[in-house]
Amino acid sequence: MKKMTLIAALLVPSLLGTVANAQTEVNPQLTAALNNDLRQEANLQRDVYRHPGETLTFFGIKPTDTVIELWPGGRWYAEILAPYLAAEGHYIAANFDANPPEGVKLPDYQIRLGKALEQWLDENRSMLGQASSLAFAPPRLTELGEDNSVDAVLTFRNLHNWASSDQLENVFDSAYQVLKPGGVLGIVEHRAKPGMALSSGYMVQDEIIDLAQQSGFTLVSSSEINANAKDSKDHPKGVWTLPPSLRLGELDKQKYLAIGESDRMTLKFIKK
């Protein structure tokens, strides 16, 4: 994959396709999923920043869909998507590799979170229907399923991880291959200013769009659902200075809590 320079100017949202209205009506099934008993209280408290109902509605996720979530991490969206799809659809977690083969070294947090997700799926099978998982660890493990088999692939605040290991093109290619024609790639990611380093955790919006298009995707629309104008993006520990990470601890904590979580792009692509 060609290296992302992260210095291109941001596109004006109106140039990205249709910009969706953040006031989106959430269907009753999704409303129920947002309030299901499996959601952790700490996750519920972050709805004000992450707007899950509006975001999933913008992506057009229906309760009958088969949906892959790339790297669910601490289950924030899994706790909504898996119950939402349990009755008529299918949630698939493209999980961290919880059991890497001998000789493959992965970060401890990936193994810990990967195993925790597998345990959660097993313990709540009666509420999660066909919910399943597979190991996804580019470039070693990139298969997401049979070609043309799923309705949507979603990823939330993960692109910077794959870009930093020069794997983002592989991720987009894998998503394109597994999606049905007309299937959706939904992206939420920290949005950079021009010239910001990738190490900040923020990414330049037009570069993401360009790379997704190189993999065959067509941008349908963008949304400002997850925008935050208070985020100046010049923080000493990058995006992790802000909540929920708060890497500076008590130093200027109230200042960063007042800013809230990061300014994020929300992009909807389709496979034609």
Protein backbone atom coordinates (compact mmCIF):
# COMPACT_ATOMS: atom_id res chain seq x y z
CA MET A 1 0.00 0.00 0.00
CA LYS A 2 1.26 3.45 -0.77
CA LYS A 3 2.08 5.40 2.36
CA MET A 4 -0.53 7.90 3.40
CA THR A 5 1.08 11.32 3.63
CA LEU A 6 -1.63 12.78 5.85
CA ILE A 7 -0.91 16.26 4.55
CA ALA A 8 -3.66 16.72 1.97
CA ALA A 9 -6.30 19.36 2.58
CA LEU A 10 -9.64 18.22 3.96
CA LEU A 11 -12.49 18.20 1.51
CA VAL A 12 -15.39 20.49 2.33
CA PRO A 13 -18.22 18.15 3.48
CA SER A 14 -20.50 19.31 0.64
CA LEU A 15 -17.97 17.97 -1.85
CA LEU A 16 -18.07 14.47 -0.41
CA GLY A 17 -21.50 13.53 -1.71
CA THR A 18 -24.77 14.04 0.08
CA VAL A 19 -24.28 15.31 3.62
CA ALA A 20 -26.87 13.64 5.81
CA ASN A 21 -28.99 15.47 8.34
CA ALA A 22 -27.98 14.45 11.86
CA GLN A 23 -31.66 14.45 12.91
CA THR A 24 -32.32 10.85 11.86
CA GLU A 25 -35.33 8.83 13.00
CA VAL A 26 -34.30 5.59 14.71
CA ASN A 27 -36.49 2.52 14.15
CA PRO A 28 -38.16 0.76 17.12
CA GLN A 29 -35.97 -2.36 16.92
CA LEU A 30 -32.81 -0.27 17.08
CA THR A 31 -34.24 1.81 19.91
CA ALA A 32 -34.79 -1.42 21.85
CA ALA A 33 -31.22 -2.53 21.10
CA LEU A 34 -29.86 0.77 22.39
CA ASN A 35 -31.53 0.03 25.71
CA ASN A 36 -30.89 -3.70 25.98
CA ASP A 37 -29.69 -5.23 29.25
CA LEU A 38 -26.34 -6.36 27.86
CA ARG A 39 -25.02 -2.82 27.47
CA GLN A 40 -22.51 -1.77 30.11
CA GLU A 41 -23.39 1.40 32.00
CA ALA A 42 -20.11 3.04 31.01
CA ASN A 43 -20.97 2.46 27.37
CA LEU A 44 -24.46 3.86 27.76
CA GLN A 45 -22.98 7.06 29.16
CA ARG A 46 -20.99 7.58 25.96
CA ASP A 47 -24.05 7.61 23.69
CA VAL A 48 -24.03 11.40 23.90
CA TYR A 49 -20.68 11.39 22.08
CA ARG A 50 -21.03 8.38 19.79
CA HIS A 51 -24.68 8.75 18.65
CA PRO A 52 -25.13 5.04 17.92
CA GLY A 53 -28.79 5.17 16.90
CA GLU A 54 -28.29 7.98 14.41
CA THR A 55 -25.03 6.49 13.14
CA LEU A 56 -26.43 3.02 12.44
CA THR A 57 -29.53 4.55 10.88
CA PHE A 58 -27.33 6.68 8.63
CA PHE A 59 -25.50 3.54 7.52
CA GLY A 60 -28.89 1.96 6.77
CA ILE A 61 -28.41 -1.09 9.00
CA LYS A 62 -31.61 -3.17 9.09
CA PRO A 63 -32.46 -5.88 11.66
CA THR A 64 -32.45 -8.48 8.86
CA ASP A 65 -28.89 -7.69 7.73
CA THR A 66 -25.72 -9.72 8.00
CA VAL A 67 -23.16 -7.29 9.40
CA ILE A 68 -19.43 -7.63 10.05
CA GLU A 69 -17.88 -5.29 12.60
CA LEU A 70 -14.11 -4.97 12.22
CA TRP A 71 -12.20 -5.12 15.52
CA PRO A 72 -15.02 -4.63 18.04
CA GLY A 73 -12.45 -4.05 20.80
CA GLY A 74 -14.23 -3.49 24.10
CA ARG A 75 -17.67 -4.42 22.63
CA TRP A 76 -19.04 -0.86 22.49
CA TYR A 77 -20.96 -1.37 19.25
CA ALA A 78 -21.16 -5.16 19.61
CA GLU A 79 -23.46 -4.69 22.59
CA ILE A 80 -25.90 -2.86 20.29
CA LEU A 81 -25.44 -4.63 16.97
CA ALA A 82 -25.51 -8.25 18.15
CA PRO A 83 -28.87 -7.92 19.98
CA TYR A 84 -30.28 -5.76 17.15
CA LEU A 85 -29.51 -8.47 14.58
CA ALA A 86 -30.25 -11.47 16.80
CA ALA A 87 -33.79 -12.30 15.70
CA GLU A 88 -33.58 -11.91 11.92
CA GLY A 89 -30.01 -11.01 11.00
CA HIS A 90 -26.47 -12.05 11.80
CA TYR A 91 -23.73 -10.18 13.65
CA ILE A 92 -20.16 -11.23 12.87
CA ALA A 93 -17.27 -9.89 14.90
CA ALA A 94 -14.02 -9.68 12.92
CA ASN A 95 -12.21 -9.98 16.21
CA PHE A 96 -8.66 -9.63 17.43
CA ASP A 97 -6.85 -12.97 17.14
CA ALA A 98 -7.44 -14.28 20.66
CA ASN A 99 -5.36 -17.43 20.12
CA PRO A 100 -2.40 -16.59 17.89
CA PRO A 101 -0.16 -19.45 16.79
CA GLU A 102 3.18 -20.04 18.46
CA GLY A 103 5.73 -17.50 17.35
CA VAL A 104 3.17 -14.78 16.53
CA LYS A 105 3.45 -11.91 19.00
CA LEU A 106 0.40 -9.69 19.44
CA PRO A 107 -0.19 -6.83 21.91
CA ASP A 108 -1.50 -8.09 25.23
CA TYR A 109 -4.58 -5.87 25.01
CA GLN A 110 -5.62 -7.52 21.73
CA ILE A 111 -5.49 -11.01 23.22
CA ARG A 112 -7.28 -9.86 26.38
CA LEU A 113 -10.08 -8.08 24.51
CA GLY A 114 -10.32 -10.82 21.92
CA LYS A 115 -10.86 -13.49 24.57
CA ALA A 116 -13.32 -11.29 26.45
CA LEU A 117 -15.45 -10.87 23.33
CA GLU A 118 -15.46 -14.61 22.63
CA GLN A 119 -16.54 -15.27 26.23
CA TRP A 120 -19.28 -12.64 25.99
CA LEU A 121 -20.67 -14.21 22.83
CA ASP A 122 -20.69 -17.66 24.45
CA GLU A 123 -22.27 -16.52 27.70
CA ASN A 124 -25.09 -14.58 26.00
CA ARG A 125 -25.92 -16.95 23.16
CA SER A 126 -29.64 -16.99 23.99
CA MET A 127 -29.86 -13.23 23.42
CA LEU A 128 -27.55 -12.99 20.41
CA GLY A 129 -28.99 -15.43 17.89
CA GLN A 130 -26.43 -16.45 15.25
CA ALA A 131 -23.82 -13.96 16.43
CA SER A 132 -20.36 -15.31 15.63
CA SER A 133 -16.74 -14.28 15.30
CA LEU A 134 -13.66 -14.80 13.20
CA ALA A 135 -10.04 -13.76 13.67
CA PHE A 136 -8.94 -10.74 11.63
CA ALA A 137 -5.27 -9.77 11.79
CA PRO A 138 -3.96 -8.19 8.58
CA PRO A 139 -1.76 -9.11 6.81
CA ARG A 140 -1.72 -12.61 8.30
CA LEU A 141 -5.51 -13.10 8.52
CA THR A 142 -7.56 -11.07 6.04
CA GLU A 143 -10.45 -13.35 5.02
CA LEU A 144 -13.81 -12.03 6.20
CA GLY A 145 -16.03 -14.73 4.68
CA GLU A 146 -17.41 -15.88 1.37
CA ASP A 147 -17.33 -13.37 -1.46
CA ASN A 148 -20.51 -11.29 -1.89
CA SER A 149 -22.03 -12.66 1.33
CA VAL A 150 -22.72 -9.78 3.75
CA ASP A 151 -24.84 -6.63 3.73
CA ALA A 152 -22.53 -4.30 5.64
CA VAL A 153 -19.01 -3.99 7.01
CA LEU A 154 -18.63 -1.42 9.78
CA THR A 155 -15.58 -0.04 11.56
CA PHE A 156 -15.43 2.50 14.34
CA ARG A 157 -12.23 4.44 15.15
CA ASN A 158 -9.90 1.73 13.85
CA LEU A 159 -8.50 3.00 10.56
CA HIS A 160 -5.50 4.72 12.13
CA ASN A 161 -4.36 1.37 13.55
CA TRP A 162 -4.28 -0.30 10.13
CA ALA A 163 -2.80 2.77 8.45
CA SER A 164 0.06 2.84 10.95
CA SER A 165 0.95 -0.75 10.00
CA ASP A 166 0.47 -0.06 6.28
CA GLN A 167 -2.51 -2.43 6.11
CA LEU A 168 -5.43 -0.11 5.35
CA GLU A 169 -5.53 -1.02 1.66
CA ASN A 170 -5.71 -4.71 2.62
CA VAL A 171 -8.58 -3.99 4.99
CA PHE A 172 -10.57 -2.12 2.35
CA ASP A 173 -9.90 -4.86 -0.20
CA SER A 174 -11.12 -7.52 2.24
CA ALA A 175 -14.28 -5.55 2.99
CA TYR A 176 -15.00 -5.05 -0.70
CA GLN A 177 -14.60 -8.74 -1.44
CA VAL A 178 -16.99 -9.97 1.27
CA LEU A 179 -19.75 -7.41 0.61
CA LYS A 180 -22.70 -8.12 -1.64
CA PRO A 181 -23.20 -5.74 -4.57
CA GLY A 182 -24.95 -2.75 -3.04
CA GLY A 183 -23.45 -3.59 0.36
CA VAL A 184 -22.33 -0.82 2.71
CA LEU A 185 -18.94 0.04 4.14
CA GLY A 186 -19.56 2.32 7.14
CA ILE A 187 -16.68 4.24 8.69
CA VAL A 188 -16.35 6.42 11.77
CA GLU A 189 -12.85 7.82 12.35
CA HIS A 190 -11.07 10.67 14.15
CA ARG A 191 -10.81 13.55 11.65
CA ALA A 192 -7.47 15.30 11.15
CA LYS A 193 -6.49 18.81 10.20
CA PRO A 194 -4.11 19.09 7.22
CA GLY A 195 -0.54 18.23 8.15
CA MET A 196 -1.28 16.18 11.26
CA ALA A 197 0.88 13.13 11.87
CA LEU A 198 -0.73 9.69 11.89
CA SER A 199 0.70 9.18 15.38
CA SER A 200 -1.91 11.68 16.62
CA GLY A 201 -4.65 9.11 16.03
CA TYR A 202 -6.44 11.47 13.62
CA MET A 203 -6.74 10.84 9.87
CA VAL A 204 -7.31 13.06 6.86
CA GLN A 205 -10.77 12.55 5.46
CA ASP A 206 -10.08 12.91 1.75
CA GLU A 207 -7.21 10.42 1.92
CA ILE A 208 -9.49 7.80 3.44
CA ILE A 209 -12.05 8.45 0.71
CA ASP A 210 -9.41 8.18 -1.99
CA LEU A 211 -8.09 4.88 -0.67
CA ALA A 212 -11.58 3.36 -0.32
CA GLN A 213 -12.34 4.40 -3.89
CA GLN A 214 -9.12 2.75 -5.07
CA SER A 215 -10.48 -0.50 -3.61
CA GLY A 216 -13.64 -0.09 -5.69
CA PHE A 217 -16.00 1.63 -3.25
CA THR A 218 -18.27 4.53 -4.16
CA LEU A 219 -18.90 7.26 -1.60
CA VAL A 220 -22.64 7.66 -1.08
CA SER A 221 -22.74 10.31 1.61
CA SER A 222 -21.05 11.77 4.65
CA SER A 223 -22.58 12.89 7.91
CA GLU A 224 -21.68 15.30 10.68
CA ILE A 225 -23.47 13.16 13.28
CA ASN A 226 -20.18 12.58 15.10
CA ALA A 227 -18.57 15.97 14.52
CA ASN A 228 -17.24 17.99 17.47
CA ALA A 229 -16.29 21.60 16.75
CA LYS A 230 -14.75 21.92 20.24
CA ASP A 231 -11.97 19.52 19.34
CA SER A 232 -8.91 21.66 18.45
CA LYS A 233 -6.89 18.49 17.67
CA ASP A 234 -3.65 19.95 19.03
CA HIS A 235 -3.48 17.87 22.21
CA PRO A 236 -0.21 16.73 23.82
CA LYS A 237 -1.12 13.02 23.69
CA GLY A 238 -3.02 13.19 20.42
CA VAL A 239 -6.61 12.00 20.33
CA TRP A 240 -5.97 9.93 23.45
CA THR A 241 -5.72 13.14 25.48
CA LEU A 242 -9.51 13.40 25.22
CA PRO A 243 -12.06 11.16 26.87
CA PRO A 244 -12.48 8.28 27.18
CA SER A 245 -8.69 7.71 27.33
CA LEU A 246 -7.66 10.89 29.21
CA ARG A 247 -3.97 9.99 28.91
CA LEU A 248 -2.87 13.00 30.99
CA GLY A 249 -4.75 11.70 34.01
CA GLU A 250 -5.79 14.52 36.32
CA LEU A 251 -3.77 17.15 34.44
CA ASP A 252 -6.27 19.53 32.80
CA LYS A 253 -8.88 16.78 33.11
CA GLN A 254 -11.84 19.14 33.34
CA LYS A 255 -10.65 21.00 30.25
CA TYR A 256 -10.65 17.82 28.19
CA LEU A 257 -13.92 16.58 29.64
CA ALA A 258 -15.46 19.89 28.57
CA ILE A 259 -14.24 19.30 25.02
CA GLY A 260 -15.68 15.80 24.97
CA GLU A 261 -14.71 13.04 22.57
CA SER A 262 -12.97 13.66 19.27
CA ASP A 263 -14.24 15.26 16.09
CA ARG A 264 -15.12 12.32 13.83
CA MET A 265 -15.95 11.80 10.19
CA THR A 266 -18.83 9.45 9.36
CA LEU A 267 -18.67 8.03 5.84
CA LYS A 268 -20.97 5.67 3.93
CA PHE A 269 -19.65 3.80 0.90
CA ILE A 270 -21.26 1.13 -1.25
CA LYS A 271 -19.99 -1.68 -3.44
CA LYS A 272 -21.61 -1.29 -6.83
